[in-house]
C-alpha atoms as a PDB file:
ATOM      1  CA  UNK A   1       2.656  49.578  61.561  1.00  0.00           C
ATOM      2  CA  UNK A   2       1.449  46.178  60.373  1.00  0.00           C
ATOM      3  CA  UNK A   3       4.024  43.661  59.242  1.00  0.00           C
ATOM      4  CA  UNK A   4       3.123  42.074  55.896  1.00  0.00           C
ATOM      5  CA  UNK A   5       3.609  38.635  54.365  1.00  0.00           C
ATOM      6  CA  UNK A   6       3.239  38.798  50.595  1.00  0.00           C
ATOM      7  CA  UNK A   7       1.753  35.689  48.981  1.00  0.00           C
ATOM      8  CA  UNK A   8       3.490  34.139  45.935  1.00  0.00           C
ATOM      9  CA  UNK A   9       0.676  35.201  43.602  1.00  0.00           C
ATOM     10  CA  UNK A  10       1.348  38.901  44.151  1.00  0.00           C
ATOM     11  CA  UNK A  11       3.248  40.385  41.230  1.00  0.00           C
ATOM     12  CA  UNK A  12       6.777  41.660  41.781  1.00  0.00           C
ATOM     13  CA  UNK A  13       5.756  45.096  40.460  1.00  0.00           C
ATOM     14  CA  UNK A  14       3.353  45.512  43.361  1.00  0.00           C
ATOM     15  CA  UNK A  15       6.019  44.514  45.872  1.00  0.00           C
ATOM     16  CA  UNK A  16       8.534  46.876  44.276  1.00  0.00           C
ATOM     17  CA  UNK A  17       5.951  49.665  44.289  1.00  0.00           C
ATOM     18  CA  UNK A  18       5.195  49.104  47.991  1.00  0.00           C
ATOM     19  CA  UNK A  19       8.921  49.206  48.812  1.00  0.00           C
ATOM     20  CA  UNK A  20       9.475  52.323  46.718  1.00  0.00           C
ATOM     21  CA  UNK A  21       6.507  54.076  48.313  1.00  0.00           C
ATOM     22  CA  UNK A  22       7.630  53.220  51.828  1.00  0.00           C
ATOM     23  CA  UNK A  23      11.163  51.905  52.285  1.00  0.00           C
ATOM     24  CA  UNK A  24      10.487  51.369  56.011  1.00  0.00           C
ATOM     25  CA  UNK A  25       7.619  48.974  55.295  1.00  0.00           C
ATOM     26  CA  UNK A  26       8.152  45.669  57.057  1.00  0.00           C
ATOM     27  CA  UNK A  27       7.227  43.128  54.410  1.00  0.00           C
ATOM     28  CA  UNK A  28       8.416  39.633  53.551  1.00  0.00           C
ATOM     29  CA  UNK A  29       7.471  37.533  50.572  1.00  0.00           C
ATOM     30  CA  UNK A  30       6.522  33.886  51.144  1.00  0.00           C
ATOM     31  CA  UNK A  31       9.481  32.936  48.894  1.00  0.00           C
ATOM     32  CA  UNK A  32      11.808  34.802  51.308  1.00  0.00           C
ATOM     33  CA  UNK A  33      10.865  32.306  54.068  1.00  0.00           C
ATOM     34  CA  UNK A  34      10.714  29.159  51.989  1.00  0.00           C
ATOM     35  CA  UNK A  35       6.912  29.053  51.665  1.00  0.00           C
ATOM     36  CA  UNK A  36       6.436  29.779  47.944  1.00  0.00           C
ATOM     37  CA  UNK A  37       4.602  26.501  47.330  1.00  0.00           C
ATOM     38  CA  UNK A  38       3.140  26.072  50.800  1.00  0.00           C
ATOM     39  CA  UNK A  39      -0.554  25.569  51.435  1.00  0.00           C
ATOM     40  CA  UNK A  40      -2.799  28.456  52.477  1.00  0.00           C
ATOM     41  CA  UNK A  41      -2.967  27.011  56.045  1.00  0.00           C
ATOM     42  CA  UNK A  42       0.839  26.834  56.362  1.00  0.00           C
ATOM     43  CA  UNK A  43       1.179  30.453  55.089  1.00  0.00           C
ATOM     44  CA  UNK A  44      -1.552  31.647  57.468  1.00  0.00           C
ATOM     45  CA  UNK A  45       0.057  29.759  60.349  1.00  0.00           C
ATOM     46  CA  UNK A  46       3.430  31.361  59.596  1.00  0.00           C
ATOM     47  CA  UNK A  47       1.848  34.777  59.352  1.00  0.00           C
ATOM     48  CA  UNK A  48       0.115  34.297  62.695  1.00  0.00           C
ATOM     49  CA  UNK A  49       3.335  33.092  64.364  1.00  0.00           C
ATOM     50  CA  UNK A  50       5.197  36.162  63.011  1.00  0.00           C
ATOM     51  CA  UNK A  51       2.306  38.621  63.571  1.00  0.00           C
ATOM     52  CA  UNK A  52       2.049  39.442  59.861  1.00  0.00           C
ATOM     53  CA  UNK A  53      -0.953  40.349  57.737  1.00  0.00           C
ATOM     54  CA  UNK A  54      -1.058  38.251  54.530  1.00  0.00           C
ATOM     55  CA  UNK A  55      -1.448  40.108  51.226  1.00  0.00           C
ATOM     56  CA  UNK A  56      -2.794  37.924  48.443  1.00  0.00           C
ATOM     57  CA  UNK A  57      -4.680  37.869  45.133  1.00  0.00           C
ATOM     58  CA  UNK A  58      -6.195  34.493  46.028  1.00  0.00           C
ATOM     59  CA  UNK A  59      -9.839  35.305  46.665  1.00  0.00           C
ATOM     60  CA  UNK A  60     -10.987  31.717  46.162  1.00  0.00           C
ATOM     61  CA  UNK A  61      -9.081  29.625  48.703  1.00  0.00           C
ATOM     62  CA  UNK A  62      -7.272  32.001  51.084  1.00  0.00           C
ATOM     63  CA  UNK A  63     -10.367  33.615  52.712  1.00  0.00           C
ATOM     64  CA  UNK A  64     -11.991  30.248  53.495  1.00  0.00           C
ATOM     65  CA  UNK A  65      -8.701  29.045  54.997  1.00  0.00           C
ATOM     66  CA  UNK A  66      -8.523  32.218  57.061  1.00  0.00           C
ATOM     67  CA  UNK A  67     -12.106  31.790  58.310  1.00  0.00           C
ATOM     68  CA  UNK A  68     -11.285  28.174  59.259  1.00  0.00           C
ATOM     69  CA  UNK A  69      -8.555  29.531  61.532  1.00  0.00           C
ATOM     70  CA  UNK A  70     -10.944  32.038  63.089  1.00  0.00           C
ATOM     71  CA  UNK A  71     -13.595  29.351  63.635  1.00  0.00           C
ATOM     72  CA  UNK A  72     -10.986  27.111  65.278  1.00  0.00           C
ATOM     73  CA  UNK A  73      -9.934  29.934  67.571  1.00  0.00           C
ATOM     74  CA  UNK A  74      -6.475  30.111  66.017  1.00  0.00           C
ATOM     75  CA  UNK A  75      -4.708  33.460  65.745  1.00  0.00           C
ATOM     76  CA  UNK A  76      -5.372  35.284  62.458  1.00  0.00           C
ATOM     77  CA  UNK A  77      -3.709  38.720  62.260  1.00  0.00           C
ATOM     78  CA  UNK A  78      -5.412  39.672  59.019  1.00  0.00           C
ATOM     79  CA  UNK A  79      -5.769  39.105  55.312  1.00  0.00           C
ATOM     80  CA  UNK A  80      -5.712  41.715  52.512  1.00  0.00           C
ATOM     81  CA  UNK A  81      -7.211  40.275  49.321  1.00  0.00           C
ATOM     82  CA  UNK A  82      -6.195  42.456  46.368  1.00  0.00           C
ATOM     83  CA  UNK A  83      -8.237  42.236  43.171  1.00  0.00           C
ATOM     84  CA  UNK A  84      -6.150  41.465  40.129  1.00  0.00           C
ATOM     85  CA  UNK A  85      -8.082  42.992  37.291  1.00  0.00           C
ATOM     86  CA  UNK A  86     -10.292  45.609  38.887  1.00  0.00           C
ATOM     87  CA  UNK A  87      -7.662  47.836  40.383  1.00  0.00           C
ATOM     88  CA  UNK A  88      -4.843  50.087  39.157  1.00  0.00           C
ATOM     89  CA  UNK A  89      -1.423  49.325  40.640  1.00  0.00           C
ATOM     90  CA  UNK A  90      -1.150  52.823  42.276  1.00  0.00           C
ATOM     91  CA  UNK A  91      -4.519  52.402  44.006  1.00  0.00           C
ATOM     92  CA  UNK A  92      -3.607  48.918  45.222  1.00  0.00           C
ATOM     93  CA  UNK A  93      -0.356  50.230  46.690  1.00  0.00           C
ATOM     94  CA  UNK A  94      -2.049  53.207  48.332  1.00  0.00           C
ATOM     95  CA  UNK A  95      -4.760  51.063  49.907  1.00  0.00           C
ATOM     96  CA  UNK A  96      -2.320  48.439  51.178  1.00  0.00           C
ATOM     97  CA  UNK A  97      -0.220  51.220  52.685  1.00  0.00           C
ATOM     98  CA  UNK A  98      -3.265  52.636  54.518  1.00  0.00           C
ATOM     99  CA  UNK A  99      -3.581  49.370  56.391  1.00  0.00           C
ATOM    100  CA  UNK A 100       0.126  48.790  56.837  1.00  0.00           C
ATOM    101  CA  UNK A 101       0.825  52.302  58.159  1.00  0.00           C
ATOM    102  CA  UNK A 102      -2.313  53.202  60.084  1.00  0.00           C
ATOM    103  CA  UNK A 103      -2.807  49.849  61.854  1.00  0.00           C
ATOM    104  CA  UNK A 104      -6.547  50.293  62.120  1.00  0.00           C
ATOM    105  CA  UNK A 105      -8.011  48.525  65.119  1.00  0.00           C
ATOM    106  CA  UNK A 106     -10.932  47.158  63.079  1.00  0.00           C
ATOM    107  CA  UNK A 107      -8.696  44.979  60.890  1.00  0.00           C
ATOM    108  CA  UNK A 108      -8.360  42.645  63.857  1.00  0.00           C
ATOM    109  CA  UNK A 109     -12.130  42.529  64.117  1.00  0.00           C
ATOM    110  CA  UNK A 110     -12.888  42.047  60.401  1.00  0.00           C
ATOM    111  CA  UNK A 111      -9.762  39.976  59.739  1.00  0.00           C
ATOM    112  CA  UNK A 112     -10.281  39.965  55.944  1.00  0.00           C
ATOM    113  CA  UNK A 113     -10.202  43.165  53.865  1.00  0.00           C
ATOM    114  CA  UNK A 114     -10.868  43.266  50.107  1.00  0.00           C
ATOM    115  CA  UNK A 115      -8.990  45.800  48.003  1.00  0.00           C
ATOM    116  CA  UNK A 116     -10.174  47.919  46.323  1.00  0.00           C
ATOM    117  CA  UNK A 117     -12.365  49.108  49.130  1.00  0.00           C
ATOM    118  CA  UNK A 118     -15.926  49.130  48.023  1.00  0.00           C
END
């Protein structure tokens, strides 16, 4: 099972829904580890150190920061970018859980996954 690090921009309702759907899910919020206002690079570095996939709504700055890590040869365990307006809460939860539970090998190859899946 993937371990998740939830970015500060993710609504509490989504986090609560994930926890209700799977109480065994290993997730931390950036605010739980003192990174609520940290830069994308600091968050990605922490996630890599802890072996956590970052879950974010930030489609504008987080993916470029993640690709910078990849280009530099730094560890990047994965990034799930969840659309804010184009997805129902239940679908977002279900799709995040697919990645968290199933630990697909290809997430380590693609590194960035956009939810909803297209």
